[in-house]
N, C-alpha and C. Protein backbone atom coordinates (compact mmCIF):
# COMPACT_ATOMS: atom_id res chain seq x y z
N MET A 1 -65.81 -18.87 -1.77
CA MET A 1 -65.92 -19.39 -0.42
C MET A 1 -65.33 -20.80 -0.31
N ASP A 2 -65.55 -21.65 -1.34
CA ASP A 2 -65.00 -22.99 -1.31
C ASP A 2 -63.47 -22.97 -1.41
N PHE A 3 -62.93 -21.92 -2.06
CA PHE A 3 -61.47 -21.82 -2.21
C PHE A 3 -60.82 -21.49 -0.86
N PHE A 4 -61.37 -20.48 -0.15
CA PHE A 4 -60.77 -20.05 1.11
C PHE A 4 -61.23 -20.89 2.30
N TYR A 5 -62.45 -21.44 2.22
CA TYR A 5 -62.99 -22.25 3.31
C TYR A 5 -63.51 -23.56 2.74
N PRO A 6 -62.61 -24.49 2.41
CA PRO A 6 -63.03 -25.74 1.77
C PRO A 6 -63.96 -26.55 2.67
N SER A 7 -64.97 -27.16 2.08
CA SER A 7 -65.92 -27.97 2.83
C SER A 7 -65.81 -29.44 2.43
N PHE A 8 -64.66 -29.80 1.84
CA PHE A 8 -64.44 -31.18 1.43
C PHE A 8 -63.11 -31.67 1.98
N CYS A 9 -63.07 -32.94 2.37
CA CYS A 9 -61.86 -33.55 2.90
C CYS A 9 -60.73 -33.48 1.88
N LEU A 10 -59.55 -33.06 2.31
CA LEU A 10 -58.42 -32.91 1.41
C LEU A 10 -57.87 -34.25 0.93
N HIS A 11 -58.26 -35.33 1.59
CA HIS A 11 -57.76 -36.65 1.21
C HIS A 11 -58.76 -37.44 0.37
N CYS A 12 -59.98 -37.62 0.87
CA CYS A 12 -60.97 -38.44 0.16
C CYS A 12 -62.00 -37.60 -0.59
N HIS A 13 -62.00 -36.27 -0.37
CA HIS A 13 -62.87 -35.33 -1.08
C HIS A 13 -64.35 -35.48 -0.71
N SER A 14 -64.64 -36.18 0.37
CA SER A 14 -66.02 -36.24 0.83
C SER A 14 -66.35 -34.96 1.59
N GLN A 15 -67.63 -34.64 1.68
CA GLN A 15 -68.02 -33.39 2.33
C GLN A 15 -67.76 -33.46 3.83
N THR A 16 -67.26 -32.37 4.37
CA THR A 16 -66.96 -32.30 5.80
C THR A 16 -67.77 -31.18 6.44
N PHE A 17 -67.85 -31.21 7.76
CA PHE A 17 -68.67 -30.23 8.48
C PHE A 17 -67.94 -29.77 9.73
N GLY A 18 -68.22 -28.52 10.11
CA GLY A 18 -67.70 -27.98 11.37
C GLY A 18 -66.20 -28.00 11.48
N LYS A 19 -65.71 -28.47 12.63
CA LYS A 19 -64.27 -28.45 12.91
C LYS A 19 -63.50 -29.47 12.08
N ASP A 20 -64.21 -30.39 11.39
CA ASP A 20 -63.54 -31.39 10.55
C ASP A 20 -63.43 -30.93 9.11
N LYS A 21 -63.43 -29.62 8.86
CA LYS A 21 -63.51 -29.14 7.49
C LYS A 21 -62.25 -29.45 6.67
N TRP A 22 -61.09 -29.67 7.33
CA TRP A 22 -59.86 -29.92 6.58
C TRP A 22 -59.72 -31.39 6.20
N ILE A 23 -60.07 -32.25 7.11
CA ILE A 23 -59.93 -33.68 6.88
C ILE A 23 -61.03 -34.39 7.68
N CYS A 24 -61.72 -35.32 7.05
CA CYS A 24 -62.85 -35.98 7.70
C CYS A 24 -62.36 -36.90 8.81
N ARG A 25 -63.26 -37.25 9.70
CA ARG A 25 -62.90 -38.08 10.84
C ARG A 25 -62.40 -39.46 10.40
N THR A 26 -63.01 -40.01 9.35
CA THR A 26 -62.59 -41.33 8.86
C THR A 26 -61.14 -41.32 8.40
N CYS A 27 -60.78 -40.30 7.62
CA CYS A 27 -59.40 -40.20 7.13
C CYS A 27 -58.43 -39.91 8.27
N PHE A 28 -58.87 -39.10 9.23
CA PHE A 28 -58.00 -38.78 10.35
C PHE A 28 -57.65 -40.04 11.14
N GLU A 29 -58.59 -40.93 11.28
CA GLU A 29 -58.35 -42.18 12.02
C GLU A 29 -57.45 -43.12 11.25
N GLN A 30 -57.24 -42.88 9.95
CA GLN A 30 -56.37 -43.71 9.13
C GLN A 30 -54.90 -43.30 9.21
N ILE A 31 -54.63 -42.18 9.84
CA ILE A 31 -53.25 -41.71 9.96
C ILE A 31 -52.45 -42.68 10.83
N GLU A 32 -51.34 -43.20 10.31
CA GLU A 32 -50.51 -44.16 11.02
C GLU A 32 -49.22 -43.50 11.52
N TRP A 33 -48.93 -43.71 12.79
CA TRP A 33 -47.72 -43.17 13.40
C TRP A 33 -46.56 -44.12 13.15
N ILE A 34 -45.37 -43.58 13.02
CA ILE A 34 -44.17 -44.41 12.85
C ILE A 34 -43.90 -45.18 14.14
N ASP A 35 -43.66 -46.46 14.01
CA ASP A 35 -43.35 -47.31 15.16
C ASP A 35 -41.89 -47.07 15.58
N PRO A 36 -41.65 -46.51 16.77
CA PRO A 36 -40.27 -46.20 17.18
C PRO A 36 -39.38 -47.43 17.34
N THR A 37 -39.97 -48.62 17.49
CA THR A 37 -39.16 -49.83 17.64
C THR A 37 -38.54 -50.25 16.32
N PHE A 38 -39.00 -49.65 15.20
CA PHE A 38 -38.43 -49.94 13.89
C PHE A 38 -37.59 -48.78 13.37
N THR A 39 -36.97 -48.03 14.26
CA THR A 39 -36.13 -46.90 13.86
C THR A 39 -34.70 -47.11 14.36
N CYS A 40 -33.76 -46.53 13.63
CA CYS A 40 -32.34 -46.61 13.97
C CYS A 40 -32.08 -45.88 15.29
N LYS A 41 -31.28 -46.48 16.16
CA LYS A 41 -30.99 -45.89 17.46
C LYS A 41 -29.93 -44.79 17.39
N VAL A 42 -29.40 -44.55 16.19
CA VAL A 42 -28.39 -43.51 16.01
C VAL A 42 -28.97 -42.28 15.31
N CYS A 43 -29.64 -42.50 14.17
CA CYS A 43 -30.17 -41.38 13.39
C CYS A 43 -31.69 -41.29 13.39
N GLY A 44 -32.38 -42.30 13.89
CA GLY A 44 -33.83 -42.28 13.93
C GLY A 44 -34.52 -42.69 12.65
N LYS A 45 -33.74 -43.08 11.65
CA LYS A 45 -34.30 -43.47 10.35
C LYS A 45 -35.03 -44.81 10.46
N PRO A 46 -36.19 -44.97 9.79
CA PRO A 46 -36.90 -46.26 9.82
C PRO A 46 -36.06 -47.37 9.23
N LYS A 47 -36.14 -48.54 9.83
CA LYS A 47 -35.45 -49.72 9.32
C LYS A 47 -36.43 -50.89 9.31
N TRP A 48 -36.03 -51.97 8.67
CA TRP A 48 -36.98 -53.05 8.41
C TRP A 48 -37.13 -54.04 9.56
N GLU A 49 -36.17 -54.10 10.47
CA GLU A 49 -36.25 -55.12 11.52
C GLU A 49 -35.75 -54.57 12.84
N ARG A 50 -36.20 -55.19 13.93
CA ARG A 50 -35.81 -54.76 15.26
C ARG A 50 -34.46 -55.34 15.69
N ALA A 51 -34.02 -56.39 15.01
CA ALA A 51 -32.83 -57.14 15.46
C ALA A 51 -31.58 -56.27 15.54
N HIS A 52 -31.42 -55.33 14.60
CA HIS A 52 -30.22 -54.49 14.56
C HIS A 52 -30.56 -53.08 15.07
N ALA A 53 -29.72 -52.56 15.95
CA ALA A 53 -29.97 -51.24 16.53
C ALA A 53 -29.73 -50.12 15.53
N ARG A 54 -28.77 -50.34 14.59
CA ARG A 54 -28.42 -49.30 13.62
C ARG A 54 -28.94 -49.64 12.22
N CYS A 55 -29.23 -48.59 11.44
CA CYS A 55 -29.59 -48.79 10.04
C CYS A 55 -28.31 -49.08 9.25
N ILE A 56 -28.46 -49.46 8.01
CA ILE A 56 -27.31 -49.82 7.18
C ILE A 56 -26.35 -48.64 7.03
N ALA A 57 -26.89 -47.43 6.81
CA ALA A 57 -26.05 -46.25 6.61
C ALA A 57 -25.23 -45.93 7.85
N CYS A 58 -25.83 -46.04 9.04
CA CYS A 58 -25.13 -45.68 10.28
C CYS A 58 -24.09 -46.72 10.70
N LYS A 59 -24.13 -47.90 10.12
CA LYS A 59 -23.12 -48.90 10.43
C LYS A 59 -21.76 -48.50 9.86
N THR A 60 -21.78 -47.75 8.75
CA THR A 60 -20.52 -47.32 8.12
C THR A 60 -20.22 -45.85 8.35
N ASN A 61 -21.27 -45.01 8.36
CA ASN A 61 -21.08 -43.57 8.53
C ASN A 61 -22.20 -43.02 9.42
N PRO A 62 -22.08 -43.17 10.74
CA PRO A 62 -23.18 -42.80 11.64
C PRO A 62 -23.48 -41.31 11.65
N ASN A 63 -24.78 -41.00 11.65
CA ASN A 63 -25.25 -39.63 11.82
C ASN A 63 -25.94 -39.55 13.18
N TYR A 64 -25.27 -38.96 14.14
CA TYR A 64 -25.79 -38.93 15.50
C TYR A 64 -26.83 -37.82 15.64
N LEU A 65 -28.11 -38.21 15.65
CA LEU A 65 -29.21 -37.24 15.71
C LEU A 65 -30.05 -37.39 16.97
N MET A 66 -29.84 -38.42 17.73
CA MET A 66 -30.68 -38.66 18.89
C MET A 66 -30.41 -37.63 19.97
N PRO A 67 -31.45 -37.22 20.73
CA PRO A 67 -32.84 -37.64 20.65
C PRO A 67 -33.53 -37.07 19.39
N PHE A 68 -34.13 -37.97 18.65
CA PHE A 68 -34.83 -37.60 17.41
C PHE A 68 -36.08 -38.46 17.29
N SER A 69 -37.14 -37.86 16.76
CA SER A 69 -38.35 -38.65 16.51
C SER A 69 -39.17 -37.98 15.41
N ALA A 70 -39.76 -38.81 14.54
CA ALA A 70 -40.65 -38.34 13.49
C ALA A 70 -42.01 -39.01 13.66
N CYS A 71 -43.04 -38.35 13.17
CA CYS A 71 -44.41 -38.83 13.39
C CYS A 71 -44.91 -39.77 12.30
N PHE A 72 -44.79 -39.34 11.02
CA PHE A 72 -45.45 -40.07 9.94
C PHE A 72 -44.55 -40.27 8.73
N SER A 73 -44.95 -41.22 7.89
CA SER A 73 -44.37 -41.35 6.56
C SER A 73 -45.07 -40.35 5.63
N PRO A 74 -44.39 -39.88 4.57
CA PRO A 74 -44.99 -38.87 3.68
C PRO A 74 -46.02 -39.47 2.73
N GLU A 75 -47.15 -39.87 3.27
CA GLU A 75 -48.22 -40.45 2.47
C GLU A 75 -49.52 -40.37 3.25
N GLY A 76 -50.62 -40.61 2.56
CA GLY A 76 -51.91 -40.69 3.23
C GLY A 76 -52.50 -39.34 3.59
N PRO A 77 -53.51 -39.34 4.47
CA PRO A 77 -54.24 -38.11 4.81
C PRO A 77 -53.36 -37.00 5.38
N ALA A 78 -52.42 -37.35 6.26
CA ALA A 78 -51.57 -36.33 6.87
C ALA A 78 -50.73 -35.61 5.83
N TYR A 79 -50.25 -36.35 4.84
CA TYR A 79 -49.40 -35.74 3.81
C TYR A 79 -50.21 -34.81 2.91
N HIS A 80 -51.45 -35.17 2.60
CA HIS A 80 -52.30 -34.28 1.81
C HIS A 80 -52.57 -32.98 2.56
N LEU A 81 -52.71 -33.10 3.87
CA LEU A 81 -52.89 -31.91 4.69
C LEU A 81 -51.64 -31.04 4.66
N HIS A 82 -50.48 -31.68 4.64
CA HIS A 82 -49.22 -30.95 4.56
C HIS A 82 -49.08 -30.22 3.23
N GLU A 83 -49.52 -30.84 2.14
CA GLU A 83 -49.47 -30.20 0.83
C GLU A 83 -50.30 -28.93 0.82
N TYR A 84 -51.44 -28.97 1.49
CA TYR A 84 -52.28 -27.77 1.57
C TYR A 84 -51.57 -26.67 2.35
N LEU A 85 -50.91 -27.04 3.44
CA LEU A 85 -50.17 -26.06 4.22
C LEU A 85 -49.05 -25.45 3.40
N ARG A 86 -48.33 -26.26 2.65
CA ARG A 86 -47.21 -25.78 1.85
C ARG A 86 -47.65 -24.76 0.80
N VAL A 87 -48.83 -24.98 0.22
CA VAL A 87 -49.30 -24.10 -0.86
C VAL A 87 -49.99 -22.86 -0.31
N TYR A 88 -50.84 -23.03 0.71
CA TYR A 88 -51.68 -21.92 1.15
C TYR A 88 -51.25 -21.30 2.47
N GLU A 89 -50.23 -21.88 3.14
CA GLU A 89 -49.67 -21.31 4.37
C GLU A 89 -50.75 -21.05 5.42
N SER A 90 -51.64 -22.01 5.60
CA SER A 90 -52.77 -21.87 6.51
C SER A 90 -52.33 -22.04 7.97
N GLU A 91 -52.61 -21.04 8.79
CA GLU A 91 -52.29 -21.13 10.21
C GLU A 91 -53.17 -22.14 10.91
N GLU A 92 -54.41 -22.32 10.43
CA GLU A 92 -55.31 -23.30 11.02
C GLU A 92 -54.76 -24.72 10.83
N VAL A 93 -54.24 -25.01 9.64
CA VAL A 93 -53.65 -26.32 9.38
C VAL A 93 -52.38 -26.49 10.21
N ALA A 94 -51.62 -25.41 10.37
CA ALA A 94 -50.40 -25.46 11.19
C ALA A 94 -50.75 -25.83 12.63
N LYS A 95 -51.89 -25.36 13.13
CA LYS A 95 -52.31 -25.70 14.49
C LYS A 95 -52.62 -27.19 14.61
N ILE A 96 -53.18 -27.77 13.55
CA ILE A 96 -53.46 -29.21 13.56
C ILE A 96 -52.16 -29.98 13.68
N PHE A 97 -51.16 -29.60 12.87
CA PHE A 97 -49.87 -30.28 12.93
C PHE A 97 -49.18 -30.05 14.28
N ALA A 98 -49.31 -28.85 14.82
CA ALA A 98 -48.73 -28.58 16.13
C ALA A 98 -49.37 -29.48 17.19
N SER A 99 -50.68 -29.72 17.08
CA SER A 99 -51.37 -30.60 18.01
C SER A 99 -50.85 -32.03 17.90
N LEU A 100 -50.59 -32.48 16.67
CA LEU A 100 -50.04 -33.82 16.46
C LEU A 100 -48.64 -33.93 17.05
N LEU A 101 -47.85 -32.87 16.93
CA LEU A 101 -46.51 -32.88 17.53
C LEU A 101 -46.59 -32.92 19.06
N VAL A 102 -47.59 -32.26 19.63
CA VAL A 102 -47.77 -32.31 21.08
C VAL A 102 -48.11 -33.72 21.53
N ILE A 103 -48.97 -34.40 20.75
CA ILE A 103 -49.32 -35.79 21.08
C ILE A 103 -48.06 -36.66 21.05
N LYS A 104 -47.24 -36.48 20.02
CA LYS A 104 -45.99 -37.24 19.91
C LYS A 104 -45.06 -36.93 21.07
N TRP A 105 -44.94 -35.66 21.40
CA TRP A 105 -44.07 -35.22 22.49
C TRP A 105 -44.50 -35.84 23.82
N GLN A 106 -45.80 -35.94 24.04
CA GLN A 106 -46.29 -36.53 25.29
C GLN A 106 -45.96 -38.01 25.37
N THR A 107 -46.02 -38.72 24.24
CA THR A 107 -45.70 -40.15 24.26
C THR A 107 -44.20 -40.37 24.46
N LEU A 108 -43.38 -39.45 23.97
CA LEU A 108 -41.93 -39.57 24.11
C LEU A 108 -41.45 -39.26 25.52
N LYS A 109 -42.25 -38.47 26.25
CA LYS A 109 -41.91 -38.07 27.62
C LYS A 109 -40.61 -37.28 27.67
N TRP A 110 -40.41 -36.45 26.66
CA TRP A 110 -39.26 -35.55 26.64
C TRP A 110 -39.50 -34.40 27.61
N PRO A 111 -38.44 -33.73 28.07
CA PRO A 111 -38.62 -32.57 28.96
C PRO A 111 -39.27 -31.40 28.23
N PHE A 112 -39.83 -30.50 28.99
CA PHE A 112 -40.49 -29.33 28.40
C PHE A 112 -39.44 -28.43 27.75
N PRO A 113 -39.70 -27.94 26.54
CA PRO A 113 -38.70 -27.11 25.85
C PRO A 113 -38.66 -25.68 26.38
N ASP A 114 -37.45 -25.14 26.47
CA ASP A 114 -37.29 -23.72 26.79
C ASP A 114 -37.41 -22.86 25.54
N SER A 115 -36.97 -23.43 24.39
CA SER A 115 -37.02 -22.70 23.12
C SER A 115 -37.32 -23.68 21.99
N ILE A 116 -38.04 -23.19 20.99
CA ILE A 116 -38.34 -23.98 19.80
C ILE A 116 -37.74 -23.27 18.59
N VAL A 117 -36.93 -24.02 17.83
CA VAL A 117 -36.20 -23.45 16.69
C VAL A 117 -36.57 -24.21 15.42
N PRO A 118 -37.12 -23.55 14.40
CA PRO A 118 -37.40 -24.23 13.13
C PRO A 118 -36.12 -24.44 12.32
N ILE A 119 -36.04 -25.58 11.63
CA ILE A 119 -34.92 -25.85 10.73
C ILE A 119 -35.28 -25.33 9.35
N PRO A 120 -34.58 -24.31 8.84
CA PRO A 120 -34.91 -23.78 7.50
C PRO A 120 -34.78 -24.85 6.43
N ASP A 121 -35.66 -24.81 5.46
CA ASP A 121 -35.64 -25.75 4.34
C ASP A 121 -34.87 -25.12 3.19
N SER A 122 -33.67 -25.62 2.91
CA SER A 122 -32.84 -25.05 1.85
C SER A 122 -33.46 -25.25 0.48
N ARG A 123 -34.37 -26.23 0.36
CA ARG A 123 -35.07 -26.46 -0.91
C ARG A 123 -36.03 -25.33 -1.22
N LEU A 124 -36.41 -24.56 -0.19
CA LEU A 124 -37.35 -23.45 -0.36
C LEU A 124 -36.68 -22.12 -0.08
N GLU A 125 -35.39 -22.03 -0.41
CA GLU A 125 -34.64 -20.83 -0.07
C GLU A 125 -35.14 -19.60 -0.83
N THR A 126 -35.88 -19.81 -1.93
CA THR A 126 -36.43 -18.66 -2.66
C THR A 126 -37.62 -18.06 -1.91
N PHE A 127 -38.17 -18.80 -0.93
CA PHE A 127 -39.27 -18.30 -0.12
C PHE A 127 -38.72 -17.64 1.14
N ALA A 128 -39.43 -16.64 1.65
CA ALA A 128 -39.05 -16.06 2.92
C ALA A 128 -39.23 -17.11 4.01
N LEU A 129 -38.38 -17.05 5.03
CA LEU A 129 -38.44 -18.04 6.10
C LEU A 129 -39.83 -18.11 6.72
N LYS A 130 -40.48 -16.96 6.87
CA LYS A 130 -41.78 -16.94 7.51
C LYS A 130 -42.87 -17.63 6.70
N ARG A 131 -42.58 -17.97 5.45
CA ARG A 131 -43.56 -18.65 4.60
C ARG A 131 -43.32 -20.15 4.54
N GLN A 132 -42.23 -20.63 5.13
CA GLN A 132 -41.92 -22.04 5.07
C GLN A 132 -42.76 -22.83 6.07
N PRO A 133 -43.18 -24.05 5.71
CA PRO A 133 -43.97 -24.88 6.64
C PRO A 133 -43.29 -25.08 7.99
N ASN A 134 -41.95 -25.27 7.98
CA ASN A 134 -41.23 -25.46 9.25
C ASN A 134 -41.47 -24.30 10.20
N TYR A 135 -41.38 -23.10 9.67
CA TYR A 135 -41.54 -21.88 10.46
C TYR A 135 -42.96 -21.79 11.02
N ILE A 136 -43.95 -22.00 10.15
CA ILE A 136 -45.35 -21.85 10.54
C ILE A 136 -45.73 -22.87 11.60
N ILE A 137 -45.28 -24.13 11.43
CA ILE A 137 -45.61 -25.19 12.37
C ILE A 137 -44.90 -24.96 13.71
N ALA A 138 -43.61 -24.62 13.66
CA ALA A 138 -42.85 -24.38 14.89
C ALA A 138 -43.43 -23.22 15.69
N LYS A 139 -43.87 -22.19 14.99
CA LYS A 139 -44.47 -21.04 15.67
C LYS A 139 -45.77 -21.43 16.34
N ALA A 140 -46.59 -22.24 15.64
CA ALA A 140 -47.85 -22.71 16.22
C ALA A 140 -47.60 -23.59 17.44
N LEU A 141 -46.54 -24.41 17.36
CA LEU A 141 -46.20 -25.28 18.48
C LEU A 141 -45.75 -24.47 19.69
N SER A 142 -44.96 -23.43 19.47
CA SER A 142 -44.50 -22.61 20.58
C SER A 142 -45.67 -21.89 21.26
N LYS A 143 -46.66 -21.46 20.48
CA LYS A 143 -47.84 -20.82 21.07
C LYS A 143 -48.65 -21.83 21.87
N MET A 144 -48.74 -23.05 21.36
CA MET A 144 -49.51 -24.09 22.03
C MET A 144 -48.87 -24.48 23.35
N LEU A 145 -47.53 -24.56 23.37
CA LEU A 145 -46.82 -24.93 24.60
C LEU A 145 -46.47 -23.71 25.46
N LYS A 146 -46.74 -22.52 24.92
CA LYS A 146 -46.45 -21.27 25.62
C LYS A 146 -44.98 -21.17 26.02
N THR A 147 -44.13 -21.39 25.01
CA THR A 147 -42.69 -21.29 25.22
C THR A 147 -42.08 -20.41 24.14
N ARG A 148 -40.80 -20.13 24.22
CA ARG A 148 -40.16 -19.18 23.31
C ARG A 148 -39.97 -19.76 21.91
N PHE A 149 -40.23 -18.93 20.93
CA PHE A 149 -40.04 -19.28 19.51
C PHE A 149 -38.86 -18.49 18.99
N LYS A 150 -37.81 -19.21 18.51
CA LYS A 150 -36.58 -18.55 18.09
C LYS A 150 -36.15 -19.03 16.70
N PRO A 151 -36.58 -18.34 15.65
CA PRO A 151 -36.14 -18.69 14.28
C PRO A 151 -34.76 -18.12 14.00
N ILE A 152 -33.73 -18.72 14.60
CA ILE A 152 -32.40 -18.13 14.58
C ILE A 152 -31.45 -18.76 13.57
N LEU A 153 -31.85 -19.88 12.95
CA LEU A 153 -30.96 -20.55 12.00
C LEU A 153 -31.13 -19.99 10.60
N ILE A 154 -30.01 -19.76 9.93
CA ILE A 154 -30.04 -19.33 8.53
C ILE A 154 -29.11 -20.24 7.74
N PRO A 155 -29.52 -20.66 6.53
CA PRO A 155 -28.67 -21.57 5.74
C PRO A 155 -27.48 -20.83 5.14
N ARG A 156 -26.37 -21.54 5.03
CA ARG A 156 -25.19 -20.99 4.35
C ARG A 156 -24.55 -22.12 3.54
N GLU A 157 -24.28 -21.85 2.31
CA GLU A 157 -23.76 -22.87 1.41
C GLU A 157 -22.25 -23.00 1.53
N GLN A 158 -21.77 -24.25 1.65
CA GLN A 158 -20.35 -24.54 1.70
C GLN A 158 -20.02 -25.61 0.66
N GLN A 159 -18.74 -25.88 0.52
CA GLN A 159 -18.33 -26.90 -0.44
C GLN A 159 -18.86 -28.28 -0.06
N SER A 160 -19.00 -28.53 1.23
CA SER A 160 -19.50 -29.82 1.70
C SER A 160 -21.02 -29.92 1.66
N GLY A 161 -21.69 -28.83 1.29
CA GLY A 161 -23.14 -28.84 1.20
C GLY A 161 -23.76 -27.68 1.97
N MET A 162 -25.08 -27.71 2.11
CA MET A 162 -25.80 -26.65 2.78
C MET A 162 -25.74 -26.84 4.30
N LYS A 163 -25.17 -25.87 5.01
CA LYS A 163 -25.12 -25.92 6.46
C LYS A 163 -25.90 -24.75 7.03
N PHE A 164 -25.84 -24.58 8.36
CA PHE A 164 -26.58 -23.52 9.02
C PHE A 164 -25.66 -22.75 9.96
N GLN A 165 -26.08 -21.52 10.25
CA GLN A 165 -25.39 -20.73 11.25
C GLN A 165 -26.44 -19.92 12.01
N PRO A 166 -26.20 -19.66 13.30
CA PRO A 166 -27.16 -18.86 14.07
C PRO A 166 -27.01 -17.38 13.72
N LYS A 167 -28.08 -16.64 13.85
CA LYS A 167 -28.00 -15.20 13.69
C LYS A 167 -27.13 -14.64 14.80
N SER A 168 -26.23 -13.74 14.44
CA SER A 168 -25.19 -13.30 15.37
C SER A 168 -25.76 -12.67 16.65
N PHE A 169 -26.88 -11.94 16.55
CA PHE A 169 -27.38 -11.24 17.73
C PHE A 169 -28.10 -12.18 18.70
N PHE A 170 -28.18 -13.46 18.39
CA PHE A 170 -28.78 -14.43 19.31
C PHE A 170 -27.73 -15.26 20.05
N TYR A 171 -26.46 -14.97 19.87
CA TYR A 171 -25.41 -15.74 20.52
C TYR A 171 -25.58 -15.69 22.04
N GLN A 172 -25.29 -16.84 22.67
CA GLN A 172 -25.39 -17.04 24.13
C GLN A 172 -26.84 -17.01 24.62
N ASP A 173 -27.81 -16.90 23.72
CA ASP A 173 -29.20 -16.80 24.14
C ASP A 173 -29.81 -18.15 24.46
N LEU A 174 -29.12 -19.25 24.11
CA LEU A 174 -29.64 -20.58 24.36
C LEU A 174 -28.85 -21.32 25.44
N THR A 175 -28.02 -20.61 26.17
CA THR A 175 -27.18 -21.22 27.19
C THR A 175 -28.01 -21.96 28.23
N ASP A 176 -27.70 -23.25 28.43
CA ASP A 176 -28.35 -24.10 29.44
C ASP A 176 -29.85 -24.27 29.21
N GLN A 177 -30.28 -24.12 27.97
CA GLN A 177 -31.70 -24.30 27.66
C GLN A 177 -31.95 -25.65 26.99
N THR A 178 -33.16 -26.16 27.14
CA THR A 178 -33.61 -27.33 26.40
C THR A 178 -34.23 -26.85 25.10
N VAL A 179 -33.60 -27.20 23.99
CA VAL A 179 -33.99 -26.68 22.68
C VAL A 179 -34.63 -27.79 21.85
N TYR A 180 -35.76 -27.45 21.21
CA TYR A 180 -36.40 -28.36 20.26
C TYR A 180 -36.18 -27.83 18.85
N LEU A 181 -35.56 -28.64 18.01
CA LEU A 181 -35.48 -28.34 16.59
C LEU A 181 -36.70 -28.96 15.92
N VAL A 182 -37.43 -28.18 15.14
CA VAL A 182 -38.67 -28.65 14.52
C VAL A 182 -38.55 -28.61 13.01
N SER A 183 -38.93 -29.73 12.38
CA SER A 183 -38.90 -29.84 10.93
C SER A 183 -40.19 -30.49 10.46
N ASP A 184 -40.70 -30.02 9.33
CA ASP A 184 -41.91 -30.66 8.80
C ASP A 184 -41.57 -31.92 8.01
N MET A 185 -40.37 -31.96 7.37
CA MET A 185 -39.99 -33.09 6.52
C MET A 185 -38.49 -33.35 6.63
N VAL A 186 -38.11 -34.55 7.06
CA VAL A 186 -36.71 -34.92 7.10
C VAL A 186 -36.40 -35.74 5.86
N ARG A 187 -35.59 -35.16 4.96
CA ARG A 187 -35.25 -35.83 3.70
C ARG A 187 -33.88 -36.49 3.75
N GLU A 188 -32.98 -35.96 4.57
CA GLU A 188 -31.64 -36.52 4.69
C GLU A 188 -31.10 -36.22 6.09
N SER A 189 -30.26 -37.12 6.56
CA SER A 189 -29.74 -37.00 7.93
C SER A 189 -28.82 -35.80 8.12
N THR A 190 -28.09 -35.46 7.07
CA THR A 190 -27.09 -34.39 7.20
C THR A 190 -27.73 -33.05 7.54
N THR A 191 -28.93 -32.77 7.02
CA THR A 191 -29.58 -31.49 7.30
C THR A 191 -29.86 -31.33 8.79
N ALA A 192 -30.45 -32.37 9.38
CA ALA A 192 -30.73 -32.32 10.81
C ALA A 192 -29.45 -32.26 11.63
N ARG A 193 -28.41 -32.97 11.17
CA ARG A 193 -27.13 -32.97 11.90
C ARG A 193 -26.48 -31.59 11.85
N PHE A 194 -26.50 -30.94 10.70
CA PHE A 194 -25.92 -29.60 10.58
C PHE A 194 -26.68 -28.60 11.45
N ALA A 195 -27.99 -28.76 11.55
CA ALA A 195 -28.78 -27.87 12.41
C ALA A 195 -28.40 -28.07 13.88
N ARG A 196 -28.20 -29.32 14.27
CA ARG A 196 -27.79 -29.61 15.65
C ARG A 196 -26.41 -29.01 15.94
N GLU A 197 -25.51 -29.12 14.99
CA GLU A 197 -24.16 -28.58 15.18
C GLU A 197 -24.20 -27.06 15.35
N ALA A 198 -25.04 -26.40 14.57
CA ALA A 198 -25.14 -24.94 14.67
C ALA A 198 -25.70 -24.52 16.02
N ILE A 199 -26.72 -25.23 16.51
CA ILE A 199 -27.31 -24.90 17.80
C ILE A 199 -26.34 -25.23 18.94
N SER A 200 -25.55 -26.28 18.77
CA SER A 200 -24.59 -26.67 19.80
C SER A 200 -23.59 -25.56 20.09
N SER A 201 -23.31 -24.73 19.10
CA SER A 201 -22.37 -23.63 19.29
C SER A 201 -22.89 -22.57 20.25
N LEU A 202 -24.19 -22.64 20.59
CA LEU A 202 -24.79 -21.66 21.51
C LEU A 202 -24.92 -22.22 22.93
N PHE A 203 -24.29 -23.38 23.19
CA PHE A 203 -24.18 -23.97 24.52
C PHE A 203 -25.53 -24.27 25.19
N PRO A 204 -26.45 -24.95 24.48
CA PRO A 204 -27.70 -25.34 25.14
C PRO A 204 -27.47 -26.51 26.10
N LYS A 205 -28.42 -26.73 26.98
CA LYS A 205 -28.35 -27.87 27.90
C LYS A 205 -28.58 -29.18 27.15
N SER A 206 -29.55 -29.20 26.24
CA SER A 206 -29.86 -30.39 25.45
C SER A 206 -30.60 -29.98 24.18
N ILE A 207 -30.50 -30.83 23.16
CA ILE A 207 -31.14 -30.57 21.86
C ILE A 207 -31.96 -31.78 21.46
N TYR A 208 -33.21 -31.55 21.15
CA TYR A 208 -34.12 -32.59 20.68
C TYR A 208 -34.64 -32.20 19.30
N THR A 209 -34.75 -33.17 18.41
CA THR A 209 -35.26 -32.91 17.07
C THR A 209 -36.59 -33.63 16.88
N LEU A 210 -37.62 -32.86 16.52
CA LEU A 210 -38.96 -33.40 16.34
C LEU A 210 -39.42 -33.07 14.93
N ALA A 211 -39.80 -34.10 14.18
CA ALA A 211 -40.22 -33.91 12.78
C ALA A 211 -41.61 -34.49 12.56
N LEU A 212 -42.31 -33.93 11.60
CA LEU A 212 -43.63 -34.46 11.24
C LEU A 212 -43.50 -35.67 10.33
N PHE A 213 -42.74 -35.51 9.23
CA PHE A 213 -42.66 -36.56 8.22
C PHE A 213 -41.23 -37.05 8.06
N GLU A 214 -41.11 -38.34 7.88
CA GLU A 214 -39.83 -39.01 7.68
C GLU A 214 -39.79 -39.61 6.27
N SER A 215 -38.96 -39.01 5.41
CA SER A 215 -38.88 -39.49 4.03
C SER A 215 -37.56 -40.19 3.72
N ARG A 216 -36.73 -40.43 4.74
CA ARG A 216 -35.49 -41.20 4.53
C ARG A 216 -35.85 -42.68 4.54
N MET A 217 -35.71 -43.31 3.39
CA MET A 217 -36.05 -44.74 3.29
C MET A 217 -34.91 -45.53 2.65
């Protein structure tokens, strides 16, 4: 019972009760959101000062990812919760992350999405797409917002690196739509950029990228 229904906080290991069974209220209040004023205006990567609009990398080789926003750094209570999701594929934990993405979305005041598309994680290509955290979280988010969930991106390896392509039978299905690309962890700018390029080929009205964790430092 403790294995399938843990009664201890995943971060501090103190006993939890009721709806707080995954993470205690004290640890939840310790979760820190990324300050958008300290992010690059081109790729969304965190930077050390507000004085410069671009990060060092984008000054020489810009990665145009905006509109883009990430919620947290990969540390602390939220990250321990993510580790549990990655290992046990819990839909209940995915709902928690989807709720956090909704909170972020409301603060950003972005338009309502017509479709939500998960970005496949090429690092987990040995896993089925439906088992990846990106897929589980994006699906939970689409149910929460009551909008379409479209896992249409598939990775394809090229000489320049891992890129994406849409599934052929979904062509023209995103025409004039507001699309949200959802990722649980952004490790490098090129992955998000390649996903945007693949979706752009389907002629959407606009593309927004929303991530839980930002690990580009």
